[in-house]
Protein backbone atom coordinates (compact mmCIF):
# COMPACT_ATOMS: atom_id res chain seq x y z
CA MET A 1 -47.99 94.71 154.51
CA ARG A 2 -51.73 93.48 154.90
CA LEU A 3 -51.87 89.76 155.43
CA SER A 4 -55.37 89.29 154.11
CA ARG A 5 -58.53 90.98 153.16
CA TYR A 6 -59.87 90.54 156.63
CA ALA A 7 -58.01 93.57 157.50
CA LEU A 8 -55.27 91.99 159.61
CA ALA A 9 -52.59 94.78 159.83
CA LEU A 10 -48.93 94.10 160.35
CA PRO A 11 -45.77 96.38 160.04
CA ALA A 12 -44.30 96.12 156.54
CA LEU A 13 -41.87 93.23 155.98
CA LEU A 14 -38.77 93.58 154.01
CA GLY A 15 -39.68 92.75 150.34
CA ALA A 16 -37.54 89.97 148.65
CA ALA A 17 -38.52 90.85 145.20
CA LEU A 18 -35.93 89.36 143.18
CA LEU A 19 -36.37 90.94 139.58
CA VAL A 20 -34.15 91.38 136.66
CA THR A 21 -34.70 95.19 136.63
CA PRO A 22 -32.54 98.27 137.19
CA ALA A 23 -31.37 98.42 140.53
CA ALA A 24 -32.69 102.03 140.88
CA ALA A 25 -36.25 100.61 140.14
CA GLN A 26 -36.06 98.57 143.19
CA SER A 27 -36.63 99.60 146.89
CA ALA A 28 -33.75 99.49 149.41
CA ALA A 29 -35.33 96.46 151.07
CA ASP A 30 -35.46 94.68 147.78
CA ARG A 31 -31.80 95.33 147.17
CA ALA A 32 -30.98 94.18 150.81
CA ALA A 33 -32.66 90.86 150.07
CA ASP A 34 -30.81 90.42 146.81
CA GLY A 35 -27.64 90.91 149.00
CA ALA A 36 -28.87 88.11 151.27
CA ILE A 37 -29.15 85.68 148.50
CA SER A 38 -26.15 86.91 146.58
CA GLN A 39 -23.79 85.99 149.28
CA ASP A 40 -24.39 82.40 148.05
CA PHE A 41 -22.66 83.18 144.98
CA GLN A 42 -19.39 84.46 146.28
CA GLU A 43 -16.29 82.41 145.55
CA ASP A 44 -16.10 79.25 147.66
CA GLU A 45 -13.09 77.55 148.95
CA PRO A 46 -11.65 74.76 146.79
CA VAL A 47 -14.15 71.78 147.56
CA THR A 48 -15.42 68.80 145.72
CA TYR A 49 -18.73 69.30 144.17
CA PHE A 50 -21.51 66.94 142.95
CA SER A 51 -21.48 66.62 139.17
CA GLN A 52 -25.17 67.53 138.58
CA SER A 53 -25.14 66.20 135.08
CA TRP A 54 -24.05 62.69 136.23
CA LEU A 55 -27.06 62.58 138.59
CA ILE A 56 -30.05 63.57 136.53
CA ASP A 57 -31.07 60.13 135.46
CA THR A 58 -30.79 58.73 138.80
CA MET A 59 -32.59 61.29 140.61
CA ASN A 60 -35.44 61.45 138.07
CA ARG A 61 -35.87 57.59 137.89
CA ARG A 62 -39.49 56.45 138.54
CA THR A 63 -40.78 52.90 138.09
CA SER A 64 -44.23 53.38 139.56
CA GLU A 65 -46.80 56.22 140.35
CA SER A 66 -47.22 55.06 143.97
CA ILE A 67 -44.38 54.35 146.34
CA ARG A 68 -46.61 51.29 147.48
CA ASP A 69 -44.95 49.60 144.43
CA VAL A 70 -41.32 50.60 145.05
CA PRO A 71 -39.06 47.72 146.39
CA ARG A 72 -37.45 48.19 149.65
CA VAL A 73 -33.57 47.86 150.08
CA HIS A 74 -31.03 46.99 152.59
CA TYR A 75 -27.42 48.10 152.79
CA GLY A 76 -23.95 46.55 153.14
CA TYR A 77 -20.45 47.69 152.90
CA TYR A 78 -17.69 47.51 150.18
CA VAL A 79 -14.16 47.84 150.99
CA VAL A 80 -11.63 49.01 148.47
CA PRO A 81 -8.78 46.35 148.26
CA GLU A 82 -5.36 47.50 149.42
CA ASP A 83 -3.79 46.28 146.10
CA GLN A 84 -5.89 48.39 143.76
CA ASN A 85 -4.92 52.02 142.43
CA ARG A 86 -7.86 54.50 142.09
CA LEU A 87 -8.69 53.43 138.46
CA GLU A 88 -8.62 49.85 139.19
CA ALA A 89 -10.67 50.37 142.34
CA ARG A 90 -13.61 52.21 140.35
CA LEU A 91 -13.46 49.58 137.61
CA ALA A 92 -13.69 46.76 140.05
CA LEU A 93 -16.47 48.39 142.01
CA TYR A 94 -18.54 48.77 138.57
CA ASN A 95 -17.91 45.25 137.78
CA LYS A 96 -18.81 43.74 141.09
CA PHE A 97 -22.31 45.44 141.01
CA GLY A 98 -23.36 44.83 137.32
CA GLY A 99 -20.81 46.88 135.23
CA ASP A 100 -23.27 49.87 134.35
CA ARG A 101 -21.23 53.00 135.59
CA ASP A 102 -23.97 55.40 134.54
CA VAL A 103 -26.27 53.55 137.14
CA ILE A 104 -23.78 52.59 139.95
CA LYS A 105 -21.50 55.66 140.20
CA PRO A 106 -24.26 58.41 140.76
CA LEU A 107 -26.27 56.41 143.20
CA LEU A 108 -23.07 55.47 145.30
CA TRP A 109 -22.11 59.24 145.00
CA LEU A 110 -25.42 60.40 146.36
CA LEU A 111 -25.81 57.78 149.14
CA ASN A 112 -22.18 58.22 150.45
CA ARG A 113 -21.84 62.11 149.77
CA ASN A 114 -18.51 60.96 148.28
CA ASP A 115 -16.56 61.48 145.03
CA LEU A 116 -15.85 58.07 143.68
CA GLU A 117 -12.85 59.67 141.65
CA ASN A 118 -11.00 59.87 144.81
CA LEU A 119 -11.40 56.08 146.07
CA SER A 120 -8.34 54.95 147.92
CA PRO A 121 -7.42 51.37 149.35
CA GLY A 122 -9.25 50.79 152.47
CA ASP A 123 -12.02 53.09 151.83
CA THR A 124 -15.27 51.92 152.86
CA LEU A 125 -18.54 52.58 150.69
CA VAL A 126 -22.24 52.05 151.63
CA VAL A 127 -23.88 49.98 148.77
CA PRO A 128 -27.51 49.13 148.39
CA SER A 129 -28.71 45.56 147.73
CA GLU A 130 -30.23 46.53 144.38
CA PHE A 131 -29.28 49.26 141.92
CA GLY A 132 -31.48 51.03 139.14
CA LEU A 133 -34.74 51.47 141.30
CA ASP A 134 -37.08 54.19 141.56
CA PHE A 135 -34.81 56.79 143.49
CA ARG A 136 -37.51 56.86 146.29
CA ALA A 137 -36.38 53.28 147.29
CA TYR A 138 -33.22 55.05 148.71
CA SER A 139 -34.81 57.74 150.72
CA PRO A 140 -33.95 58.76 154.36
CA PHE A 141 -37.50 60.03 154.55
CA PRO A 142 -40.32 57.73 155.58
CA ARG A 143 -42.55 56.66 152.79
CA TYR A 144 -45.61 57.79 154.42
CA TYR A 145 -46.29 60.74 156.60
CA ALA A 146 -49.40 60.37 158.63
CA GLY A 147 -49.41 63.65 159.85
CA ALA A 148 -49.67 65.13 156.47
CA ALA A 149 -52.28 62.86 155.15
CA ASP A 150 -54.89 65.66 155.15
CA LEU A 151 -52.33 67.95 153.25
CA ASP A 152 -52.33 68.18 149.61
CA LYS A 153 -48.52 69.17 149.54
CA VAL A 154 -45.67 69.66 152.14
CA VAL A 155 -42.01 69.87 151.82
CA ILE A 156 -39.55 68.89 154.55
CA LEU A 157 -35.91 70.06 154.81
CA ASP A 158 -33.84 68.24 157.15
CA LYS A 159 -30.58 70.02 158.20
CA GLN A 160 -28.89 67.09 160.10
CA ILE A 161 -29.26 64.75 156.90
CA GLN A 162 -28.96 67.50 154.61
CA ALA A 163 -31.89 66.21 152.63
CA TRP A 164 -35.32 67.18 151.52
CA GLY A 165 -38.63 65.26 150.88
CA ALA A 166 -41.94 66.27 149.22
CA TYR A 167 -45.17 64.52 150.41
CA HIS A 168 -48.59 64.45 148.58
CA ARG A 169 -51.41 63.57 150.81
CA GLY A 170 -48.81 61.90 153.03
CA GLU A 171 -47.19 59.78 150.46
CA LEU A 172 -43.42 60.47 149.67
CA ALA A 173 -43.36 62.01 146.21
CA ARG A 174 -39.67 62.71 145.80
CA TRP A 175 -36.47 63.44 147.72
CA GLY A 176 -33.22 64.60 147.32
CA ILE A 177 -30.00 66.10 148.98
CA ILE A 178 -29.42 69.92 149.95
CA ASN A 179 -26.87 72.12 151.34
CA THR A 180 -28.03 74.55 154.11
CA GLY A 181 -26.42 77.47 155.82
CA VAL A 182 -22.95 77.42 157.34
CA GLU A 183 -22.23 78.27 161.10
CA SER A 184 -22.07 81.95 160.70
CA ALA A 185 -25.29 82.09 158.62
CA ARG A 186 -27.63 79.35 159.57
CA THR A 187 -30.64 78.47 157.75
CA PRO A 188 -33.62 79.24 160.01
CA SER A 189 -35.78 76.50 161.39
CA GLY A 190 -39.44 76.33 161.58
CA ARG A 191 -42.71 76.27 159.47
CA PHE A 192 -42.89 78.42 156.23
CA ASN A 193 -44.68 78.43 153.10
CA VAL A 194 -43.61 79.14 149.59
CA ASN A 195 -44.27 82.69 148.86
CA TRP A 196 -43.27 83.41 145.32
CA LYS A 197 -41.11 81.84 142.60
CA GLN A 198 -38.79 82.93 139.82
CA ASP A 199 -37.36 80.57 137.32
CA TYR A 200 -34.22 82.68 136.56
CA ARG A 201 -32.94 85.81 137.90
CA VAL A 202 -29.69 87.90 138.05
CA SER A 203 -28.91 89.43 141.25
CA THR A 204 -28.90 93.19 141.09
CA LEU A 205 -25.70 93.01 143.32
CA SER A 206 -23.69 91.19 140.73
CA PRO A 207 -20.43 92.83 140.03
CA GLY A 208 -21.36 92.93 136.35
CA PHE A 209 -25.13 93.99 136.90
CA GLY A 210 -26.18 96.58 134.20
CA SER A 211 -23.11 96.15 132.31
CA SER A 212 -23.08 94.94 128.55
CA ALA A 213 -19.56 93.59 128.64
CA PRO A 214 -19.46 90.05 127.47
CA ASP A 215 -17.20 89.17 130.40
CA ALA A 216 -19.61 90.90 132.91
CA GLU A 217 -19.54 88.70 136.02
CA LEU A 218 -23.28 87.94 136.90
CA TRP A 219 -24.67 85.96 139.81
CA GLU A 220 -27.27 83.69 138.05
CA MET A 221 -30.13 82.09 139.88
CA TYR A 222 -32.34 79.24 138.86
CA TRP A 223 -35.53 77.99 140.09
CA VAL A 224 -35.87 80.35 143.03
CA MET A 225 -38.57 79.76 145.64
CA ASN A 226 -38.95 82.18 148.57
CA LEU A 227 -39.70 81.04 151.97
CA HIS A 228 -38.78 84.04 154.00
CA GLU A 229 -39.64 87.42 152.50
CA ALA A 230 -38.16 89.50 155.15
CA ARG A 231 -34.64 87.71 155.25
CA GLY A 232 -34.42 86.54 151.62
CA ILE A 233 -34.41 82.98 152.43
CA HIS A 234 -34.95 80.74 149.31
CA MET A 235 -34.68 77.35 147.90
CA HIS A 236 -32.86 77.50 144.58
CA GLN A 237 -30.42 75.60 142.22
CA TYR A 238 -26.73 76.04 142.87
CA ALA A 239 -23.77 73.96 142.88
CA LEU A 240 -23.64 71.58 146.04
CA PRO A 241 -20.27 70.53 147.67
CA THR A 242 -19.99 67.17 149.22
CA SER A 243 -18.79 68.83 152.48
CA GLY A 244 -22.24 69.66 154.08
CA PRO A 245 -23.69 73.07 154.87
CA ALA A 246 -22.22 75.82 152.54
CA SER A 247 -24.73 78.65 152.02
CA HIS A 248 -25.35 81.81 153.82
CA GLY A 249 -28.84 80.71 154.86
CA CYS A 250 -30.52 79.75 151.67
CA ILE A 251 -31.23 76.09 150.72
CA ARG A 252 -29.18 74.97 147.73
CA MET A 253 -30.52 72.00 145.51
CA LEU A 254 -29.41 70.10 142.71
CA GLU A 255 -30.84 71.08 139.27
CA PRO A 256 -33.33 68.15 138.76
CA ASP A 257 -34.53 68.55 142.20
CA ALA A 258 -34.89 72.46 142.07
CA LYS A 259 -36.69 72.35 138.69
CA TRP A 260 -39.24 69.69 139.72
CA LEU A 261 -40.03 71.39 143.07
CA TYR A 262 -40.37 74.74 141.33
CA GLY A 263 -43.14 73.20 139.14
CA TRP A 264 -44.64 71.14 141.97
CA THR A 265 -45.06 73.81 144.83
CA ASP A 266 -47.70 76.53 144.98
CA THR A 267 -47.23 80.09 145.66
CA TRP A 268 -49.22 82.46 147.79
CA GLU A 269 -52.34 84.37 146.61
CA VAL A 270 -51.95 87.92 146.62
CA GLU A 271 -54.36 90.85 145.92
CA ASN A 272 -53.53 94.50 145.06
CA GLN A 273 -49.99 93.65 144.35
CA ARG A 274 -47.75 96.61 143.24
CA ASP A 275 -44.76 94.56 142.37
CA PRO A 276 -44.57 91.28 140.25
CA ILE A 277 -43.20 89.32 143.14
CA SER A 278 -43.23 91.27 146.45
CA SER A 279 -46.15 91.38 148.78
CA VAL A 280 -45.18 94.84 150.11
CA GLY A 281 -48.29 96.75 150.36
CA ALA A 282 -50.29 94.07 149.13
CA ASP A 283 -52.87 91.57 150.70
CA ILE A 284 -51.77 88.13 151.11
CA VAL A 285 -55.15 86.04 150.84
CA ASP A 286 -53.63 82.50 151.16
CA GLN A 287 -50.34 81.03 151.66
CA GLY A 288 -48.56 78.81 149.18
CA THR A 289 -47.11 75.08 149.77
CA MET A 290 -46.03 74.40 153.49
CA VAL A 291 -42.38 74.03 154.13
CA LEU A 292 -41.08 72.68 157.31
CA ILE A 293 -37.28 73.25 158.14
CA ILE A 294 -36.19 70.71 160.88
CA GLY A 295 -33.27 68.88 162.27
CA ASP A 296 -30.11 70.02 164.21
CA ASP A 297 -27.45 72.17 162.45
CA ILE A 298 -24.29 70.65 161.49
CA SER A 299 -20.89 72.00 160.66
CA GLU A 300 -19.26 68.79 158.99
CA PRO A 301 -20.39 66.46 156.09
CA PRO A 302 -23.73 64.76 156.79
CA ARG A 303 -23.77 61.27 158.06
CA PRO A 304 -26.66 59.65 156.30
CA PHE A 305 -25.79 56.09 157.59
CA LEU A 306 -25.13 54.67 161.03
CA HIS A 307 -22.16 52.17 160.67
CA ARG A 308 -22.60 49.25 162.59
CA ASP A 309 -20.17 46.58 162.64
CA ALA A 310 -21.97 44.22 160.40
CA TYR A 311 -23.97 46.58 158.16
CA PRO A 312 -24.87 50.23 157.67
CA VAL A 313 -28.25 51.49 158.85
CA ILE A 314 -29.92 54.52 156.99
CA ARG A 315 -30.59 57.32 159.26
CA MET A 316 -34.35 58.14 158.81
CA VAL A 317 -35.57 61.77 159.28
CA ASP A 318 -37.76 61.94 162.38
CA LEU A 319 -40.94 63.63 160.99
CA PRO A 320 -43.01 65.90 163.49
CA PRO A 321 -46.30 64.22 164.11
CA ASP A 322 -48.25 67.36 163.48
CA PRO A 323 -46.82 69.75 160.98
CA TYR A 324 -48.71 72.60 162.39
CA ALA A 325 -47.11 72.05 165.75
CA VAL A 326 -43.61 73.11 164.23
CA PRO A 327 -43.21 76.65 165.33
CA ALA A 328 -43.78 79.35 162.77
CA GLY A 329 -40.61 80.42 161.19
CA SER A 330 -41.30 83.97 159.91
CA PRO A 331 -43.42 87.03 161.07
CA GLN A 332 -45.71 86.25 158.21
CA GLN A 333 -46.26 82.73 159.29
CA LYS A 334 -46.89 83.94 162.94
CA ALA A 335 -49.47 86.38 161.76
CA PHE A 336 -51.38 83.80 159.76
CA ASP A 337 -51.29 81.49 162.83
CA ARG A 338 -52.98 84.25 164.92
CA LEU A 339 -55.39 84.77 162.21
CA GLY A 340 -56.22 81.09 162.18
CA GLY A 341 -56.55 80.87 165.81
CA ARG A 342 -53.37 78.57 166.10
CA VAL A 343 -51.87 80.57 168.84
């Protein structure tokens, strides 16, 4: 694969061209990359998942163009009384904070990473001082990122908090929650770029791929954004369990986030491309939107709040002062760093 028209030569990377085409039409490398992402679509253990339809309005809520006009919130505790069953606990909770279940439930679910259907006496929830605000009001990402003020766009994925944030010229544009890789298949850390995107695809390794049977099992992927072509690491929509890391290396996102990010990010600029997606044999002239994957790996549910005796404190993501100081996460990125004189 050639990285640019300036004749920087590198060994060919494995192509992660995820196309809905017959398997025979794909290279062995393409099918291998298919397998990497398809592992995320294997049957999961019984777990509790976020109901994505419940969360759409909350996650998409915007009250102002600039985050300068978004109110700030603080947090407190709500303890479920000992004399209430689960239904009574939920109803009392909604009534205490205004009565609108469609506003209260999804926000508390996202903040606590906890399914409110299973509330029990004595359970403690973190609650904000105000509901129904622009969703950025509840962000664990700083509102401003000075180190990215000169970058048109940058995306941050934090593995410890299990959350993502997008910055436009250093100002927080959106954030959400994610699932990264389990202990046996960690999501790689480092600096990446969005390579190619595909809004929908069916994995060629699906058990029912190529079958016309109505009950054929197909692994469907939506809003796929490739970050590491050689390893087949992507951001994409998929079911998110509340239990923390769950994927085989890819970054799972909720539908509203994946769809928004798909439209917001830019892909690489490629010349002499033989394949509609893969860069194998092509010239990568320019890279897409920068993506930083940071934070320590965890194997348990994330803890987005520090629980002090008097009140909870949101754990803010520690952004790197200089995005370019984050080590390159792929051979492609390392090659561009050499070309740009960064190493």
